[in-house]
Amino acid sequence: MVPLTDIPFSFNKNLLFGTLNIRRDTDRAKEFEGLLDEVQAIGKPKALYKVSFIDEKGADSVTIDGVRFTSPALRKILIPLSAYFRTSLHAETKLMILR
């Protein structure tokens, strides 16, 4: 697998506050915004990818790198392909909150 480590990211704070129904004029909002700032400063998202080859396509299944997946939806998505990029994403955990 090939690692990708220089992945920029940012939060849309207005969207987060709206989605979570957090009013901006509260102490909790200030605390939440501080946490977002800290996560933004120390977050290190990473991704891995590997080119995988499709070995076989059945009516409702697909075999990729020797592993059979039974999924009509996956089979339909992969109809035009003979290879694809398998991916895995994660972010390091460096944030520790002590109260």
PDB file of N, CA and C in Angstrom:
ATOM      1  N   MET A   1       0.836  -1.171   0.000  1.00  0.00           N
ATOM      2  CA  MET A   1       0.000   0.000   0.000  1.00  0.00           C
ATOM      3  C   MET A   1       0.888   1.243   0.000  1.00  0.00           C
ATOM      4  N   VAL A   2       0.431   2.270  -0.677  1.00  0.00           N
ATOM      5  CA  VAL A   2       1.165   3.523  -0.780  1.00  0.00           C
ATOM      6  C   VAL A   2       0.565   4.526   0.211  1.00  0.00           C
ATOM      7  N   PRO A   3       1.390   5.077   1.114  1.00  0.00           N
ATOM      8  CA  PRO A   3       0.847   6.041   2.084  1.00  0.00           C
ATOM      9  C   PRO A   3       0.795   7.460   1.522  1.00  0.00           C
ATOM     10  N   LEU A   4      -0.247   8.167   1.883  1.00  0.00           N
ATOM     11  CA  LEU A   4      -0.372   9.601   1.602  1.00  0.00           C
ATOM     12  C   LEU A   4      -0.479  10.274   2.960  1.00  0.00           C
ATOM     13  N   THR A   5       0.452  11.170   3.263  1.00  0.00           N
ATOM     14  CA  THR A   5       0.473  11.749   4.606  1.00  0.00           C
ATOM     15  C   THR A   5       0.317  13.259   4.636  1.00  0.00           C
ATOM     16  N   ASP A   6       0.473  13.933   3.525  1.00  0.00           N
ATOM     17  CA  ASP A   6       0.371  15.392   3.507  1.00  0.00           C
ATOM     18  C   ASP A   6      -1.016  15.789   2.998  1.00  0.00           C
ATOM     19  N   ILE A   7      -2.031  15.562   3.840  1.00  0.00           N
ATOM     20  CA  ILE A   7      -3.421  15.812   3.449  1.00  0.00           C
ATOM     21  C   ILE A   7      -3.949  17.000   4.245  1.00  0.00           C
ATOM     22  N   PRO A   8      -4.173  18.132   3.589  1.00  0.00           N
ATOM     23  CA  PRO A   8      -4.724  19.277   4.310  1.00  0.00           C
ATOM     24  C   PRO A   8      -6.203  19.055   4.618  1.00  0.00           C
ATOM     25  N   PHE A   9      -6.656  19.586   5.740  1.00  0.00           N
ATOM     26  CA  PHE A   9      -8.081  19.500   6.059  1.00  0.00           C
ATOM     27  C   PHE A   9      -8.468  20.703   6.897  1.00  0.00           C
ATOM     28  N   SER A  10      -9.732  21.009   6.871  1.00  0.00           N
ATOM     29  CA  SER A  10     -10.245  22.101   7.687  1.00  0.00           C
ATOM     30  C   SER A  10     -11.707  21.819   8.004  1.00  0.00           C
ATOM     31  N   PHE A  11     -12.194  22.489   9.024  1.00  0.00           N
ATOM     32  CA  PHE A  11     -13.586  22.346   9.431  1.00  0.00           C
ATOM     33  C   PHE A  11     -14.388  23.527   8.922  1.00  0.00           C
ATOM     34  N   ASN A  12     -15.615  23.279   8.535  1.00  0.00           N
ATOM     35  CA  ASN A  12     -16.556  24.354   8.269  1.00  0.00           C
ATOM     36  C   ASN A  12     -17.302  24.563   9.579  1.00  0.00           C
ATOM     37  N   LYS A  13     -16.804  25.489  10.380  1.00  0.00           N
ATOM     38  CA  LYS A  13     -17.355  25.675  11.725  1.00  0.00           C
ATOM     39  C   LYS A  13     -18.834  26.055  11.689  1.00  0.00           C
ATOM     40  N   ASN A  14     -19.211  26.912  10.759  1.00  0.00           N
ATOM     41  CA  ASN A  14     -20.618  27.307  10.679  1.00  0.00           C
ATOM     42  C   ASN A  14     -21.513  26.101  10.406  1.00  0.00           C
ATOM     43  N   LEU A  15     -21.068  25.222   9.525  1.00  0.00           N
ATOM     44  CA  LEU A  15     -21.845  24.014   9.232  1.00  0.00           C
ATOM     45  C   LEU A  15     -21.927  23.109  10.458  1.00  0.00           C
ATOM     46  N   LEU A  16     -20.798  22.927  11.158  1.00  0.00           N
ATOM     47  CA  LEU A  16     -20.805  22.088  12.354  1.00  0.00           C
ATOM     48  C   LEU A  16     -21.721  22.641  13.442  1.00  0.00           C
ATOM     49  N   PHE A  17     -21.617  23.924  13.690  1.00  0.00           N
ATOM     50  CA  PHE A  17     -22.481  24.534  14.708  1.00  0.00           C
ATOM     51  C   PHE A  17     -23.951  24.398  14.321  1.00  0.00           C
ATOM     52  N   GLY A  18     -24.256  24.613  13.054  1.00  0.00           N
ATOM     53  CA  GLY A  18     -25.633  24.497  12.592  1.00  0.00           C
ATOM     54  C   GLY A  18     -26.148  23.070  12.658  1.00  0.00           C
ATOM     55  N   THR A  19     -25.331  22.117  12.208  1.00  0.00           N
ATOM     56  CA  THR A  19     -25.735  20.709  12.204  1.00  0.00           C
ATOM     57  C   THR A  19     -25.951  20.186  13.612  1.00  0.00           C
ATOM     58  N   LEU A  20     -25.101  20.626  14.543  1.00  0.00           N
ATOM     59  CA  LEU A  20     -25.194  20.164  15.931  1.00  0.00           C
ATOM     60  C   LEU A  20     -26.105  21.041  16.788  1.00  0.00           C
ATOM     61  N   ASN A  21     -26.704  22.052  16.158  1.00  0.00           N
ATOM     62  CA  ASN A  21     -27.612  22.976  16.867  1.00  0.00           C
ATOM     63  C   ASN A  21     -26.957  23.603  18.097  1.00  0.00           C
ATOM     64  N   ILE A  22     -25.736  24.083  17.908  1.00  0.00           N
ATOM     65  CA  ILE A  22     -25.015  24.747  18.997  1.00  0.00           C
ATOM     66  C   ILE A  22     -25.119  26.248  18.786  1.00  0.00           C
ATOM     67  N   ARG A  23     -25.669  26.941  19.771  1.00  0.00           N
ATOM     68  CA  ARG A  23     -25.755  28.399  19.703  1.00  0.00           C
ATOM     69  C   ARG A  23     -24.377  28.986  19.979  1.00  0.00           C
ATOM     70  N   ARG A  24     -23.969  29.936  19.170  1.00  0.00           N
ATOM     71  CA  ARG A  24     -22.629  30.515  19.264  1.00  0.00           C
ATOM     72  C   ARG A  24     -22.403  31.345  20.524  1.00  0.00           C
ATOM     73  N   ASP A  25     -23.458  31.815  21.183  1.00  0.00           N
ATOM     74  CA  ASP A  25     -23.303  32.727  22.319  1.00  0.00           C
ATOM     75  C   ASP A  25     -23.295  32.006  23.673  1.00  0.00           C
ATOM     76  N   THR A  26     -22.866  30.738  23.689  1.00  0.00           N
ATOM     77  CA  THR A  26     -22.836  29.983  24.941  1.00  0.00           C
ATOM     78  C   THR A  26     -21.407  29.609  25.310  1.00  0.00           C
ATOM     79  N   ASP A  27     -21.212  29.262  26.577  1.00  0.00           N
ATOM     80  CA  ASP A  27     -19.891  28.797  27.023  1.00  0.00           C
ATOM     81  C   ASP A  27     -19.515  27.496  26.325  1.00  0.00           C
ATOM     82  N   ARG A  28     -20.503  26.632  26.121  1.00  0.00           N
ATOM     83  CA  ARG A  28     -20.240  25.357  25.424  1.00  0.00           C
ATOM     84  C   ARG A  28     -19.752  25.598  23.998  1.00  0.00           C
ATOM     85  N   ALA A  29     -20.302  26.614  23.353  1.00  0.00           N
ATOM     86  CA  ALA A  29     -19.887  26.936  21.989  1.00  0.00           C
ATOM     87  C   ALA A  29     -18.422  27.369  21.962  1.00  0.00           C
ATOM     88  N   LYS A  30     -18.033  28.184  22.920  1.00  0.00           N
ATOM     89  CA  LYS A  30     -16.634  28.625  22.994  1.00  0.00           C
ATOM     90  C   LYS A  30     -15.708  27.433  23.250  1.00  0.00           C
ATOM     91  N   GLU A  31     -16.133  26.527  24.134  1.00  0.00           N
ATOM     92  CA  GLU A  31     -15.352  25.329  24.429  1.00  0.00           C
ATOM     93  C   GLU A  31     -15.246  24.437  23.186  1.00  0.00           C
ATOM     94  N   PHE A  32     -16.354  24.261  22.483  1.00  0.00           N
ATOM     95  CA  PHE A  32     -16.375  23.443  21.279  1.00  0.00           C
ATOM     96  C   PHE A  32     -15.476  24.042  20.199  1.00  0.00           C
ATOM     97  N   GLU A  33     -15.536  25.362  20.036  1.00  0.00           N
ATOM     98  CA  GLU A  33     -14.690  26.016  19.039  1.00  0.00           C
ATOM     99  C   GLU A  33     -13.211  25.865  19.397  1.00  0.00           C
ATOM    100  N   GLY A  34     -12.892  25.918  20.688  1.00  0.00           N
ATOM    101  CA  GLY A  34     -11.519  25.681  21.119  1.00  0.00           C
ATOM    102  C   GLY A  34     -11.047  24.277  20.784  1.00  0.00           C
ATOM    103  N   LEU A  35     -11.915  23.297  20.969  1.00  0.00           N
ATOM    104  CA  LEU A  35     -11.572  21.913  20.610  1.00  0.00           C
ATOM    105  C   LEU A  35     -11.347  21.776  19.107  1.00  0.00           C
ATOM    106  N   LEU A  36     -12.206  22.400  18.318  1.00  0.00           N
ATOM    107  CA  LEU A  36     -12.030  22.361  16.867  1.00  0.00           C
ATOM    108  C   LEU A  36     -10.699  22.983  16.461  1.00  0.00           C
ATOM    109  N   ASP A  37     -10.340  24.097  17.074  1.00  0.00           N
ATOM    110  CA  ASP A  37      -9.060  24.739  16.776  1.00  0.00           C
ATOM    111  C   ASP A  37      -7.887  23.831  17.129  1.00  0.00           C
ATOM    112  N   GLU A  38      -8.000  23.157  18.272  1.00  0.00           N
ATOM    113  CA  GLU A  38      -6.925  22.259  18.688  1.00  0.00           C
ATOM    114  C   GLU A  38      -6.801  21.061  17.746  1.00  0.00           C
ATOM    115  N   VAL A  39      -7.933  20.497  17.378  1.00  0.00           N
ATOM    116  CA  VAL A  39      -7.916  19.369  16.442  1.00  0.00           C
ATOM    117  C   VAL A  39      -7.339  19.812  15.100  1.00  0.00           C
ATOM    118  N   GLN A  40      -7.721  20.989  14.643  1.00  0.00           N
ATOM    119  CA  GLN A  40      -7.195  21.518  13.378  1.00  0.00           C
ATOM    120  C   GLN A  40      -5.672  21.657  13.435  1.00  0.00           C
ATOM    121  N   ALA A  41      -5.166  22.086  14.580  1.00  0.00           N
ATOM    122  CA  ALA A  41      -3.724  22.308  14.728  1.00  0.00           C
ATOM    123  C   ALA A  41      -2.927  21.009  14.786  1.00  0.00           C
ATOM    124  N   ILE A  42      -3.488  19.965  15.389  1.00  0.00           N
ATOM    125  CA  ILE A  42      -2.704  18.739  15.584  1.00  0.00           C
ATOM    126  C   ILE A  42      -3.143  17.566  14.724  1.00  0.00           C
ATOM    127  N   GLY A  43      -4.251  17.706  14.007  1.00  0.00           N
ATOM    128  CA  GLY A  43      -4.755  16.598  13.195  1.00  0.00           C
ATOM    129  C   GLY A  43      -3.807  16.227  12.072  1.00  0.00           C
ATOM    130  N   LYS A  44      -3.592  14.958  11.875  1.00  0.00           N
ATOM    131  CA  LYS A  44      -2.714  14.455  10.823  1.00  0.00           C
ATOM    132  C   LYS A  44      -3.413  13.333  10.054  1.00  0.00           C
ATOM    133  N   PRO A  45      -4.370  13.686   9.177  1.00  0.00           N
ATOM    134  CA  PRO A  45      -5.046  12.619   8.429  1.00  0.00           C
ATOM    135  C   PRO A  45      -4.078  11.906   7.499  1.00  0.00           C
ATOM    136  N   LYS A  46      -4.332  10.624   7.308  1.00  0.00           N
ATOM    137  CA  LYS A  46      -3.498   9.799   6.440  1.00  0.00           C
ATOM    138  C   LYS A  46      -4.403   8.925   5.586  1.00  0.00           C
ATOM    139  N   ALA A  47      -3.883   8.496   4.467  1.00  0.00           N
ATOM    140  CA  ALA A  47      -4.614   7.575   3.605  1.00  0.00           C
ATOM    141  C   ALA A  47      -3.628   6.574   3.030  1.00  0.00           C
ATOM    142  N   LEU A  48      -4.105   5.404   2.736  1.00  0.00           N
ATOM    143  CA  LEU A  48      -3.322   4.377   2.061  1.00  0.00           C
ATOM    144  C   LEU A  48      -4.098   3.963   0.820  1.00  0.00           C
ATOM    145  N   TYR A  49      -3.382   3.658  -0.242  1.00  0.00           N
ATOM    146  CA  TYR A  49      -4.083   3.121  -1.401  1.00  0.00           C
ATOM    147  C   TYR A  49      -3.254   2.034  -2.053  1.00  0.00           C
ATOM    148  N   LYS A  50      -3.951   1.183  -2.750  1.00  0.00           N
ATOM    149  CA  LYS A  50      -3.319   0.091  -3.471  1.00  0.00           C
ATOM    150  C   LYS A  50      -4.146  -0.157  -4.722  1.00  0.00           C
ATOM    151  N   VAL A  51      -3.474  -0.362  -5.833  1.00  0.00           N
ATOM    152  CA  VAL A  51      -4.191  -0.744  -7.039  1.00  0.00           C
ATOM    153  C   VAL A  51      -4.565  -2.207  -6.888  1.00  0.00           C
ATOM    154  N   SER A  52      -5.848  -2.495  -6.989  1.00  0.00           N
ATOM    155  CA  SER A  52      -6.338  -3.871  -6.880  1.00  0.00           C
ATOM    156  C   SER A  52      -6.977  -4.271  -8.202  1.00  0.00           C
ATOM    157  N   PHE A  53      -6.779  -5.518  -8.565  1.00  0.00           N
ATOM    158  CA  PHE A  53      -7.306  -5.991  -9.839  1.00  0.00           C
ATOM    159  C   PHE A  53      -8.527  -6.870  -9.621  1.00  0.00           C
ATOM    160  N   ILE A  54      -9.484  -6.697 -10.505  1.00  0.00           N
ATOM    161  CA  ILE A  54     -10.717  -7.485 -10.441  1.00  0.00           C
ATOM    162  C   ILE A  54     -10.453  -8.791 -11.164  1.00  0.00           C
ATOM    163  N   ASP A  55     -10.535  -9.890 -10.395  1.00  0.00           N
ATOM    164  CA  ASP A  55     -10.252 -11.209 -10.951  1.00  0.00           C
ATOM    165  C   ASP A  55     -11.448 -11.762 -11.721  1.00  0.00           C
ATOM    166  N   GLU A  56     -12.639 -11.539 -11.177  1.00  0.00           N
ATOM    167  CA  GLU A  56     -13.829 -12.155 -11.768  1.00  0.00           C
ATOM    168  C   GLU A  56     -15.065 -11.340 -11.405  1.00  0.00           C
ATOM    169  N   LYS A  57     -16.011 -11.279 -12.344  1.00  0.00           N
ATOM    170  CA  LYS A  57     -17.291 -10.621 -12.102  1.00  0.00           C
ATOM    171  C   LYS A  57     -18.400 -11.634 -12.313  1.00  0.00           C
ATOM    172  N   GLY A  58     -19.197 -11.847 -11.253  1.00  0.00           N
ATOM    173  CA  GLY A  58     -20.351 -12.734 -11.369  1.00  0.00           C
ATOM    174  C   GLY A  58     -21.604 -11.892 -11.543  1.00  0.00           C
ATOM    175  N   ALA A  59     -22.758 -12.543 -11.538  1.00  0.00           N
ATOM    176  CA  ALA A  59     -24.024 -11.832 -11.710  1.00  0.00           C
ATOM    177  C   ALA A  59     -24.267 -10.845 -10.569  1.00  0.00           C
ATOM    178  N   ASP A  60     -23.946 -11.254  -9.343  1.00  0.00           N
ATOM    179  CA  ASP A  60     -24.153 -10.375  -8.176  1.00  0.00           C
ATOM    180  C   ASP A  60     -22.941 -10.366  -7.259  1.00  0.00           C
ATOM    181  N   SER A  61     -21.780 -10.644  -7.834  1.00  0.00           N
ATOM    182  CA  SER A  61     -20.566 -10.672  -7.018  1.00  0.00           C
ATOM    183  C   SER A  61     -19.374 -10.208  -7.846  1.00  0.00           C
ATOM    184  N   VAL A  62     -18.306  -9.934  -7.134  1.00  0.00           N
ATOM    185  CA  VAL A  62     -17.057  -9.559  -7.780  1.00  0.00           C
ATOM    186  C   VAL A  62     -15.918 -10.115  -6.918  1.00  0.00           C
ATOM    187  N   THR A  63     -14.877 -10.625  -7.563  1.00  0.00           N
ATOM    188  CA  THR A  63     -13.704 -11.133  -6.850  1.00  0.00           C
ATOM    189  C   THR A  63     -12.540 -10.182  -7.125  1.00  0.00           C
ATOM    190  N   ILE A  64     -12.010  -9.644  -6.036  1.00  0.00           N
ATOM    191  CA  ILE A  64     -10.940  -8.658  -6.127  1.00  0.00           C
ATOM    192  C   ILE A  64      -9.736  -9.167  -5.343  1.00  0.00           C
ATOM    193  N   ASP A  65      -8.607  -9.280  -6.012  1.00  0.00           N
ATOM    194  CA  ASP A  65      -7.386  -9.802  -5.378  1.00  0.00           C
ATOM    195  C   ASP A  65      -7.665 -11.091  -4.626  1.00  0.00           C
ATOM    196  N   GLY A  66      -8.474 -11.965  -5.210  1.00  0.00           N
ATOM    197  CA  GLY A  66      -8.754 -13.274  -4.619  1.00  0.00           C
ATOM    198  C   GLY A  66      -9.838 -13.295  -3.556  1.00  0.00           C
ATOM    199  N   VAL A  67     -10.426 -12.164  -3.229  1.00  0.00           N
ATOM    200  CA  VAL A  67     -11.478 -12.093  -2.210  1.00  0.00           C
ATOM    201  C   VAL A  67     -12.806 -11.832  -2.904  1.00  0.00           C
ATOM    202  N   ARG A  68     -13.790 -12.720  -2.645  1.00  0.00           N
ATOM    203  CA  ARG A  68     -15.100 -12.588  -3.286  1.00  0.00           C
ATOM    204  C   ARG A  68     -16.033 -11.733  -2.439  1.00  0.00           C
ATOM    205  N   PHE A  69     -16.645 -10.734  -3.083  1.00  0.00           N
ATOM    206  CA  PHE A  69     -17.626  -9.864  -2.450  1.00  0.00           C
ATOM    207  C   PHE A  69     -18.958 -10.098  -3.140  1.00  0.00           C
ATOM    208  N   THR A  70     -19.979 -10.454  -2.360  1.00  0.00           N
ATOM    209  CA  THR A  70     -21.309 -10.639  -2.915  1.00  0.00           C
ATOM    210  C   THR A  70     -22.102  -9.375  -2.651  1.00  0.00           C
ATOM    211  N   SER A  71     -22.238  -8.583  -3.691  1.00  0.00           N
ATOM    212  CA  SER A  71     -22.933  -7.303  -3.570  1.00  0.00           C
ATOM    213  C   SER A  71     -23.350  -6.846  -4.965  1.00  0.00           C
ATOM    214  N   PRO A  72     -24.639  -6.906  -5.263  1.00  0.00           N
ATOM    215  CA  PRO A  72     -25.085  -6.419  -6.565  1.00  0.00           C
ATOM    216  C   PRO A  72     -24.713  -4.946  -6.790  1.00  0.00           C
ATOM    217  N   ALA A  73     -24.761  -4.143  -5.726  1.00  0.00           N
ATOM    218  CA  ALA A  73     -24.424  -2.725  -5.862  1.00  0.00           C
ATOM    219  C   ALA A  73     -22.951  -2.554  -6.222  1.00  0.00           C
ATOM    220  N   LEU A  74     -22.063  -3.253  -5.519  1.00  0.00           N
ATOM    221  CA  LEU A  74     -20.634  -3.173  -5.825  1.00  0.00           C
ATOM    222  C   LEU A  74     -20.372  -3.678  -7.239  1.00  0.00           C
ATOM    223  N   ARG A  75     -21.012  -4.758  -7.609  1.00  0.00           N
ATOM    224  CA  ARG A  75     -20.840  -5.324  -8.953  1.00  0.00           C
ATOM    225  C   ARG A  75     -21.237  -4.302 -10.012  1.00  0.00           C
ATOM    226  N   LYS A  76     -22.344  -3.592  -9.773  1.00  0.00           N
ATOM    227  CA  LYS A  76     -22.815  -2.595 -10.740  1.00  0.00           C
ATOM    228  C   LYS A  76     -21.833  -1.428 -10.852  1.00  0.00           C
ATOM    229  N   ILE A  77     -21.321  -0.978  -9.728  1.00  0.00           N
ATOM    230  CA  ILE A  77     -20.363   0.136  -9.728  1.00  0.00           C
ATOM    231  C   ILE A  77     -19.099  -0.234 -10.510  1.00  0.00           C
ATOM    232  N   LEU A  78     -18.676  -1.487 -10.397  1.00  0.00           N
ATOM    233  CA  LEU A  78     -17.408  -1.912 -11.001  1.00  0.00           C
ATOM    234  C   LEU A  78     -17.555  -2.458 -12.414  1.00  0.00           C
ATOM    235  N   ILE A  79     -18.741  -2.367 -13.013  1.00  0.00           N
ATOM    236  CA  ILE A  79     -18.971  -2.918 -14.355  1.00  0.00           C
ATOM    237  C   ILE A  79     -17.905  -2.486 -15.364  1.00  0.00           C
ATOM    238  N   PRO A  80     -17.610  -1.191 -15.479  1.00  0.00           N
ATOM    239  CA  PRO A  80     -16.666  -0.791 -16.538  1.00  0.00           C
ATOM    240  C   PRO A  80     -15.198  -0.938 -16.165  1.00  0.00           C
ATOM    241  N   LEU A  81     -14.888  -1.388 -14.970  1.00  0.00           N
ATOM    242  CA  LEU A  81     -13.502  -1.380 -14.504  1.00  0.00           C
ATOM    243  C   LEU A  81     -12.856  -2.751 -14.531  1.00  0.00           C
ATOM    244  N   SER A  82     -11.526  -2.749 -14.676  1.00  0.00           N
ATOM    245  CA  SER A  82     -10.756  -3.977 -14.515  1.00  0.00           C
ATOM    246  C   SER A  82      -9.808  -3.857 -13.324  1.00  0.00           C
ATOM    247  N   ALA A  83      -9.660  -2.635 -12.822  1.00  0.00           N
ATOM    248  CA  ALA A  83      -8.836  -2.379 -11.638  1.00  0.00           C
ATOM    249  C   ALA A  83      -9.405  -1.154 -10.945  1.00  0.00           C
ATOM    250  N   TYR A  84      -9.082  -1.013  -9.684  1.00  0.00           N
ATOM    251  CA  TYR A  84      -9.517   0.172  -8.952  1.00  0.00           C
ATOM    252  C   TYR A  84      -8.549   0.406  -7.803  1.00  0.00           C
ATOM    253  N   PHE A  85      -8.675   1.552  -7.151  1.00  0.00           N
ATOM    254  CA  PHE A  85      -7.805   1.899  -6.035  1.00  0.00           C
ATOM    255  C   PHE A  85      -8.514   1.581  -4.728  1.00  0.00           C
ATOM    256  N   ARG A  86      -7.979   0.627  -3.965  1.00  0.00           N
ATOM    257  CA  ARG A  86      -8.496   0.366  -2.621  1.00  0.00           C
ATOM    258  C   ARG A  86      -7.914   1.432  -1.711  1.00  0.00           C
ATOM    259  N   THR A  87      -8.726   1.969  -0.834  1.00  0.00           N
ATOM    260  CA  THR A  87      -8.248   3.021   0.049  1.00  0.00           C
ATOM    261  C   THR A  87      -8.605   2.751   1.494  1.00  0.00           C
ATOM    262  N   SER A  88      -7.829   3.327   2.361  1.00  0.00           N
ATOM    263  CA  SER A  88      -8.074   3.285   3.799  1.00  0.00           C
ATOM    264  C   SER A  88      -7.671   4.641   4.349  1.00  0.00           C
ATOM    265  N   LEU A  89      -8.534   5.238   5.161  1.00  0.00           N
ATOM    266  CA  LEU A  89      -8.255   6.549   5.734  1.00  0.00           C
ATOM    267  C   LEU A  89      -8.236   6.471   7.247  1.00  0.00           C
ATOM    268  N   HIS A  90      -7.398   7.266   7.881  1.00  0.00           N
ATOM    269  CA  HIS A  90      -7.440   7.380   9.342  1.00  0.00           C
ATOM    270  C   HIS A  90      -6.747   8.668   9.759  1.00  0.00           C
ATOM    271  N   ALA A  91      -7.009   9.046  10.976  1.00  0.00           N
ATOM    272  CA  ALA A  91      -6.349  10.218  11.548  1.00  0.00           C
ATOM    273  C   ALA A  91      -5.730   9.797  12.874  1.00  0.00           C
ATOM    274  N   GLU A  92      -4.536  10.283  13.127  1.00  0.00           N
ATOM    275  CA  GLU A  92      -3.879   9.949  14.386  1.00  0.00           C
ATOM    276  C   GLU A  92      -4.647  10.552  15.559  1.00  0.00           C
ATOM    277  N   THR A  93      -4.619   9.854  16.668  1.00  0.00           N
ATOM    278  CA  THR A  93      -5.250  10.370  17.873  1.00  0.00           C
ATOM    279  C   THR A  93      -4.173  10.972  18.754  1.00  0.00           C
ATOM    280  N   LYS A  94      -4.162  12.299  18.837  1.00  0.00           N
ATOM    281  CA  LYS A  94      -3.197  12.995  19.690  1.00  0.00           C
ATOM    282  C   LYS A  94      -3.888  13.918  20.653  1.00  0.00           C
ATOM    283  N   LEU A  95      -5.194  13.994  20.595  1.00  0.00           N
ATOM    284  CA  LEU A  95      -5.939  14.905  21.431  1.00  0.00           C
ATOM    285  C   LEU A  95      -6.411  14.176  22.677  1.00  0.00           C
ATOM    286  N   MET A  96      -6.059  14.698  23.825  1.00  0.00           N
ATOM    287  CA  MET A  96      -6.477  14.084  25.083  1.00  0.00           C
ATOM    288  C   MET A  96      -7.084  15.169  25.954  1.00  0.00           C
ATOM    289  N   ILE A  97      -8.284  14.937  26.388  1.00  0.00           N
ATOM    290  CA  ILE A  97      -8.992  15.931  27.193  1.00  0.00           C
ATOM    291  C   ILE A  97      -9.063  15.444  28.613  1.00  0.00           C
ATOM    292  N   LEU A  98      -8.524  16.224  29.503  1.00  0.00           N
ATOM    293  CA  LEU A  98      -8.575  15.894  30.930  1.00  0.00           C
ATOM    294  C   LEU A  98      -9.432  16.935  31.645  1.00  0.00           C
ATOM    295  N   ARG A  99     -10.315  16.489  32.473  1.00  0.00           N
ATOM    296  CA  ARG A  99     -11.188  17.403  33.221  1.00  0.00           C
ATOM    297  C   ARG A  99     -10.994  17.170  34.698  1.00  0.00           C
TER     298      ARG A  99
END
